[in-house]
């Protein structure tokens, strides 16, 4: 990139335009190759995750798949050193898996780099690790710094965790409305736990904050005015959240749906 600016300043205008085209084409080519390598590494890692619960983490039969994943992430990083996804997944290889050649220090350094470069998954994981793994170091400030960065990018896990913090009042003032907002946004992103938390709070009588109401009606203002539909019942809203969780395979979603069904049957009998 520095070479591009030097050429632009010292040569004729038509020449930098050609160099600019070649640079962008080269960047696109490197990004495409890096994404292909990341996909290969992620595919191998998915196969490891599929069978690792049925074997030992350091089972030698997993080593070929782990080595394949690690090598592909390393190659992706060599092809495109600015790729945060490759950096994040390589960090996970060092930190989580018993891959040959793994190093916790390298994994931690890669995770911090990916988080500082703006990767939301890395920011969320780093925030969680800072909050959990330091018993003797007060790292809550650093943890929340990265979690808030991930929340700004609407990371579902970070939204759910921040919602839980608001709900319990841990390290900050208890705020049910903010907790509902976080659970709502995380639920829309497919987080099953957030959907269950949101639905259960609604059943307990928590009022939907104005921010969520405005957010839901913003894109449907004309339709709402024309049809004048009444607001959805609280039980229906909660049931909708539990259905989302159930579709994601969450047992709590099924349990809450069964509970609502049993209560409805009991009311009919009475």
Protein backbone atom coordinates (compact mmCIF):
# COMPACT_ATOMS: atom_id res chain seq x y z
CA UNK A 1 0.00 0.00 0.00
CA UNK A 2 2.91 2.37 0.75
CA UNK A 3 4.39 1.56 -2.65
CA UNK A 4 1.10 2.54 -4.28
CA UNK A 5 1.14 5.99 -2.69
CA UNK A 6 4.80 6.55 -3.66
CA UNK A 7 4.11 5.60 -7.27
CA UNK A 8 1.07 7.83 -7.32
CA UNK A 9 3.09 10.81 -6.13
CA UNK A 10 6.07 10.36 -8.47
CA UNK A 11 4.65 9.08 -11.77
CA UNK A 12 2.11 10.14 -14.34
CA UNK A 13 -1.56 9.91 -13.39
CA UNK A 14 -2.37 7.19 -15.91
CA UNK A 15 0.22 4.84 -14.44
CA UNK A 16 -1.11 4.91 -10.83
CA UNK A 17 -4.57 4.14 -12.13
CA UNK A 18 -3.21 0.97 -13.69
CA UNK A 19 -1.36 0.09 -10.50
CA UNK A 20 -4.52 0.78 -8.47
CA UNK A 21 -6.46 -1.63 -10.63
CA UNK A 22 -3.78 -4.31 -10.22
CA UNK A 23 -3.61 -3.78 -6.45
CA UNK A 24 -7.38 -4.14 -6.02
CA UNK A 25 -7.42 -7.20 -8.27
CA UNK A 26 -4.57 -8.68 -6.23
CA UNK A 27 -6.42 -7.99 -2.96
CA UNK A 28 -9.57 -9.64 -4.29
CA UNK A 29 -7.59 -12.66 -5.41
CA UNK A 30 -5.88 -13.01 -2.02
CA UNK A 31 -9.18 -12.60 -0.14
CA UNK A 32 -10.82 -15.27 -2.30
CA UNK A 33 -7.95 -17.71 -1.77
CA UNK A 34 -7.93 -17.04 1.98
CA UNK A 35 -11.68 -17.70 2.20
CA UNK A 36 -11.25 -20.99 0.35
CA UNK A 37 -8.54 -22.08 2.80
CA UNK A 38 -10.64 -21.01 5.79
CA UNK A 39 -13.57 -23.04 4.45
CA UNK A 40 -11.34 -26.14 4.15
CA UNK A 41 -10.02 -25.67 7.66
CA UNK A 42 -13.49 -25.07 9.09
CA UNK A 43 -14.80 -28.20 7.36
CA UNK A 44 -12.08 -30.31 9.00
CA UNK A 45 -12.79 -28.67 12.36
CA UNK A 46 -16.51 -29.40 12.06
CA UNK A 47 -15.71 -33.07 11.62
CA UNK A 48 -13.58 -32.95 14.77
CA UNK A 49 -16.41 -31.30 16.73
CA UNK A 50 -18.82 -33.95 15.46
CA UNK A 51 -16.87 -36.85 16.99
CA UNK A 52 -14.84 -35.27 19.81
CA UNK A 53 -17.60 -35.84 22.40
CA UNK A 54 -17.36 -39.58 21.73
CA UNK A 55 -13.60 -39.85 22.19
CA UNK A 56 -10.70 -38.34 24.12
CA UNK A 57 -9.59 -34.78 23.19
CA UNK A 58 -6.05 -36.04 22.54
CA UNK A 59 -7.08 -39.12 20.58
CA UNK A 60 -4.44 -39.67 17.85
CA UNK A 61 -7.21 -40.41 15.35
CA UNK A 62 -8.19 -36.73 15.53
CA UNK A 63 -4.70 -35.46 14.73
CA UNK A 64 -4.96 -35.65 10.91
CA UNK A 65 -8.14 -33.54 10.93
CA UNK A 66 -6.73 -31.10 13.47
CA UNK A 67 -3.50 -30.78 11.51
CA UNK A 68 -5.45 -30.17 8.30
CA UNK A 69 -7.52 -27.43 9.95
CA UNK A 70 -4.48 -25.76 11.50
CA UNK A 71 -2.46 -25.82 8.28
CA UNK A 72 -5.31 -24.33 6.25
CA UNK A 73 -5.83 -21.50 8.73
CA UNK A 74 -2.08 -20.82 8.71
CA UNK A 75 -2.01 -20.77 4.92
CA UNK A 76 -5.01 -18.43 4.86
CA UNK A 77 -3.16 -16.06 7.17
CA UNK A 78 -0.06 -16.22 4.97
CA UNK A 79 -2.13 -15.42 1.88
CA UNK A 80 -4.04 -12.57 3.56
CA UNK A 81 -2.40 -11.37 6.77
CA UNK A 82 -5.29 -8.97 7.42
CA UNK A 83 -7.94 -11.69 7.49
CA UNK A 84 -9.42 -11.61 11.00
CA UNK A 85 -11.38 -14.86 10.55
CA UNK A 86 -8.22 -16.85 9.81
CA UNK A 87 -6.51 -15.25 12.80
CA UNK A 88 -9.47 -16.03 15.09
CA UNK A 89 -9.83 -19.66 14.03
CA UNK A 90 -6.09 -20.26 14.28
CA UNK A 91 -6.25 -18.81 17.81
CA UNK A 92 -9.00 -21.31 18.67
CA UNK A 93 -6.85 -24.14 17.35
CA UNK A 94 -4.08 -23.20 19.78
CA UNK A 95 -6.36 -22.51 22.73
CA UNK A 96 -9.06 -25.15 22.55
CA UNK A 97 -7.83 -28.23 20.71
CA UNK A 98 -5.06 -30.73 21.42
CA UNK A 99 -3.50 -30.15 18.04
CA UNK A 100 0.19 -31.06 17.60
CA UNK A 101 2.29 -27.91 17.96
CA UNK A 102 -0.38 -25.98 19.85
CA UNK A 103 0.83 -23.10 22.02
CA UNK A 104 -1.41 -21.21 24.45
CA UNK A 105 0.73 -18.06 24.24
CA UNK A 106 0.47 -17.95 20.45
CA UNK A 107 -3.27 -18.57 20.66
CA UNK A 108 -3.75 -15.74 23.15
CA UNK A 109 -1.71 -13.34 21.02
CA UNK A 110 -3.68 -14.23 17.89
CA UNK A 111 -6.99 -13.85 19.74
CA UNK A 112 -6.06 -10.38 21.02
CA UNK A 113 -4.91 -9.35 17.53
CA UNK A 114 -8.16 -10.56 15.93
CA UNK A 115 -10.24 -8.78 18.58
CA UNK A 116 -8.34 -5.52 18.15
CA UNK A 117 -8.77 -5.83 14.37
CA UNK A 118 -12.55 -5.88 14.85
CA UNK A 119 -13.57 -9.53 14.59
CA UNK A 120 -16.78 -9.87 16.68
CA UNK A 121 -16.27 -13.57 17.44
CA UNK A 122 -12.78 -12.85 18.74
CA UNK A 123 -14.02 -9.89 20.77
CA UNK A 124 -16.73 -12.04 22.38
CA UNK A 125 -14.39 -14.94 23.19
CA UNK A 126 -11.68 -12.65 24.53
CA UNK A 127 -14.22 -10.84 26.72
CA UNK A 128 -15.44 -14.16 28.10
CA UNK A 129 -11.91 -15.40 28.77
CA UNK A 130 -10.87 -12.22 30.54
CA UNK A 131 -13.94 -12.44 32.76
CA UNK A 132 -13.66 -16.14 33.60
CA UNK A 133 -10.01 -17.15 33.59
CA UNK A 134 -8.48 -14.52 35.89
CA UNK A 135 -9.34 -15.38 39.49
CA UNK A 136 -6.72 -13.07 40.99
CA UNK A 137 -6.80 -10.25 38.46
CA UNK A 138 -9.66 -7.74 38.26
CA UNK A 139 -10.17 -7.82 34.50
CA UNK A 140 -13.86 -6.92 34.33
CA UNK A 141 -13.10 -3.58 32.70
CA UNK A 142 -11.14 -5.22 29.89
CA UNK A 143 -13.75 -7.95 29.54
CA UNK A 144 -16.61 -5.49 29.16
CA UNK A 145 -14.58 -3.39 26.73
CA UNK A 146 -14.40 -6.30 24.28
CA UNK A 147 -17.93 -7.51 24.99
CA UNK A 148 -19.32 -4.05 24.24
CA UNK A 149 -17.32 -3.99 21.00
CA UNK A 150 -18.95 -7.29 20.03
CA UNK A 151 -22.38 -5.99 21.07
CA UNK A 152 -21.89 -2.99 18.79
CA UNK A 153 -21.66 -5.51 15.94
CA UNK A 154 -24.75 -7.34 17.26
CA UNK A 155 -22.91 -10.54 18.14
CA UNK A 156 -25.66 -12.83 19.54
CA UNK A 157 -23.52 -14.36 22.28
CA UNK A 158 -22.32 -10.97 23.47
CA UNK A 159 -25.87 -9.59 23.42
CA UNK A 160 -27.08 -12.54 25.50
CA UNK A 161 -24.26 -12.18 28.02
CA UNK A 162 -24.78 -8.44 28.36
CA UNK A 163 -28.51 -9.05 28.81
CA UNK A 164 -27.74 -11.49 31.63
CA UNK A 165 -25.48 -8.90 33.27
CA UNK A 166 -28.25 -6.28 33.08
CA UNK A 167 -30.77 -8.78 34.43
CA UNK A 168 -28.71 -9.81 37.45
CA UNK A 169 -27.13 -6.42 38.14
CA UNK A 170 -23.66 -7.99 38.16
CA UNK A 171 -20.98 -5.27 37.84
CA UNK A 172 -23.54 -2.70 36.73
CA UNK A 173 -26.94 -1.32 37.68
CA UNK A 174 -29.82 -3.73 37.20
CA UNK A 175 -31.89 -2.74 34.16
CA UNK A 176 -34.69 -5.06 33.02
CA UNK A 177 -35.53 -2.93 29.95
CA UNK A 178 -31.95 -3.09 28.70
CA UNK A 179 -31.85 -6.82 29.40
CA UNK A 180 -35.01 -7.32 27.35
CA UNK A 181 -33.55 -5.30 24.49
CA UNK A 182 -30.37 -7.43 24.49
CA UNK A 183 -32.31 -10.71 24.66
CA UNK A 184 -34.63 -9.51 21.89
CA UNK A 185 -31.78 -8.67 19.50
CA UNK A 186 -29.90 -11.87 20.33
CA UNK A 187 -33.07 -13.89 19.75
CA UNK A 188 -33.46 -12.28 16.33
CA UNK A 189 -29.91 -13.43 15.59
CA UNK A 190 -30.87 -17.01 16.40
CA UNK A 191 -29.64 -17.34 20.00
CA UNK A 192 -31.84 -19.98 21.65
CA UNK A 193 -30.93 -19.07 25.23
CA UNK A 194 -31.81 -15.43 24.62
CA UNK A 195 -35.18 -16.44 23.16
CA UNK A 196 -35.99 -18.48 26.28
CA UNK A 197 -34.87 -15.68 28.58
CA UNK A 198 -36.90 -13.11 26.64
CA UNK A 199 -40.03 -15.26 26.63
CA UNK A 200 -39.81 -16.14 30.33
CA UNK A 201 -39.39 -12.48 31.29
CA UNK A 202 -42.47 -11.59 29.28
CA UNK A 203 -44.47 -14.25 31.13
CA UNK A 204 -43.27 -12.86 34.44
CA UNK A 205 -44.84 -9.52 33.58
CA UNK A 206 -41.87 -7.59 32.24
CA UNK A 207 -43.02 -4.81 29.92
CA UNK A 208 -41.63 -4.63 26.42
CA UNK A 209 -39.49 -1.47 26.32
CA UNK A 210 -40.40 1.32 23.94
CA UNK A 211 -37.16 0.84 22.00
CA UNK A 212 -38.21 -2.68 20.95
CA UNK A 213 -41.72 -1.52 20.05
CA UNK A 214 -40.35 1.24 17.85
CA UNK A 215 -37.79 -1.12 16.32
CA UNK A 216 -40.46 -3.67 15.41
CA UNK A 217 -42.81 -1.10 13.90
CA UNK A 218 -40.23 1.03 12.10
CA UNK A 219 -40.28 -0.91 8.85
CA UNK A 220 -44.02 -1.68 9.00
CA UNK A 221 -45.46 1.69 9.89
CA UNK A 222 -47.72 2.02 6.83
CA UNK A 223 -48.95 -1.55 7.16
CA UNK A 224 -49.73 -1.07 10.84
CA UNK A 225 -51.69 2.12 10.19
CA UNK A 226 -53.65 0.52 7.39
CA UNK A 227 -54.58 -2.73 9.15
CA UNK A 228 -54.72 -1.39 12.72
CA UNK A 229 -53.92 -4.79 14.22
CA UNK A 230 -54.03 -5.03 18.00
CA UNK A 231 -50.79 -5.68 19.85
CA UNK A 232 -49.87 -9.33 20.18
CA UNK A 233 -50.77 -10.92 23.51
CA UNK A 234 -47.91 -11.40 25.97
CA UNK A 235 -48.40 -15.18 26.04
CA UNK A 236 -48.32 -15.28 22.24
CA UNK A 237 -45.13 -13.22 22.20
CA UNK A 238 -43.53 -15.55 24.71
CA UNK A 239 -44.72 -18.62 22.84
CA UNK A 240 -43.16 -17.25 19.66
CA UNK A 241 -39.81 -16.96 21.45
CA UNK A 242 -40.04 -20.50 22.85
CA UNK A 243 -40.80 -21.80 19.36
CA UNK A 244 -37.63 -20.15 18.08
CA UNK A 245 -35.64 -21.85 20.82
CA UNK A 246 -37.31 -25.20 20.14
CA UNK A 247 -36.52 -24.98 16.43
CA UNK A 248 -32.88 -24.42 17.39
CA UNK A 249 -33.00 -27.66 19.40
CA UNK A 250 -33.11 -26.08 22.86
CA UNK A 251 -34.73 -28.36 25.46
CA UNK A 252 -35.90 -25.39 27.53
CA UNK A 253 -37.88 -24.16 24.54
CA UNK A 254 -39.78 -27.46 24.38
CA UNK A 255 -40.34 -27.44 28.16
CA UNK A 256 -41.78 -23.93 28.14
CA UNK A 257 -44.06 -24.75 25.20
CA UNK A 258 -45.34 -27.84 27.01
CA UNK A 259 -45.90 -25.79 30.15
CA UNK A 260 -47.94 -23.21 28.21
CA UNK A 261 -49.93 -26.00 26.54
CA UNK A 262 -50.70 -27.66 29.90
CA UNK A 263 -51.82 -24.35 31.41
CA UNK A 264 -54.07 -23.68 28.42
CA UNK A 265 -55.67 -27.13 28.78
CA UNK A 266 -56.20 -26.56 32.48
CA UNK A 267 -57.97 -23.27 31.80
CA UNK A 268 -60.25 -24.94 29.25
CA UNK A 269 -61.21 -27.66 31.75
CA UNK A 270 -62.00 -25.08 34.42
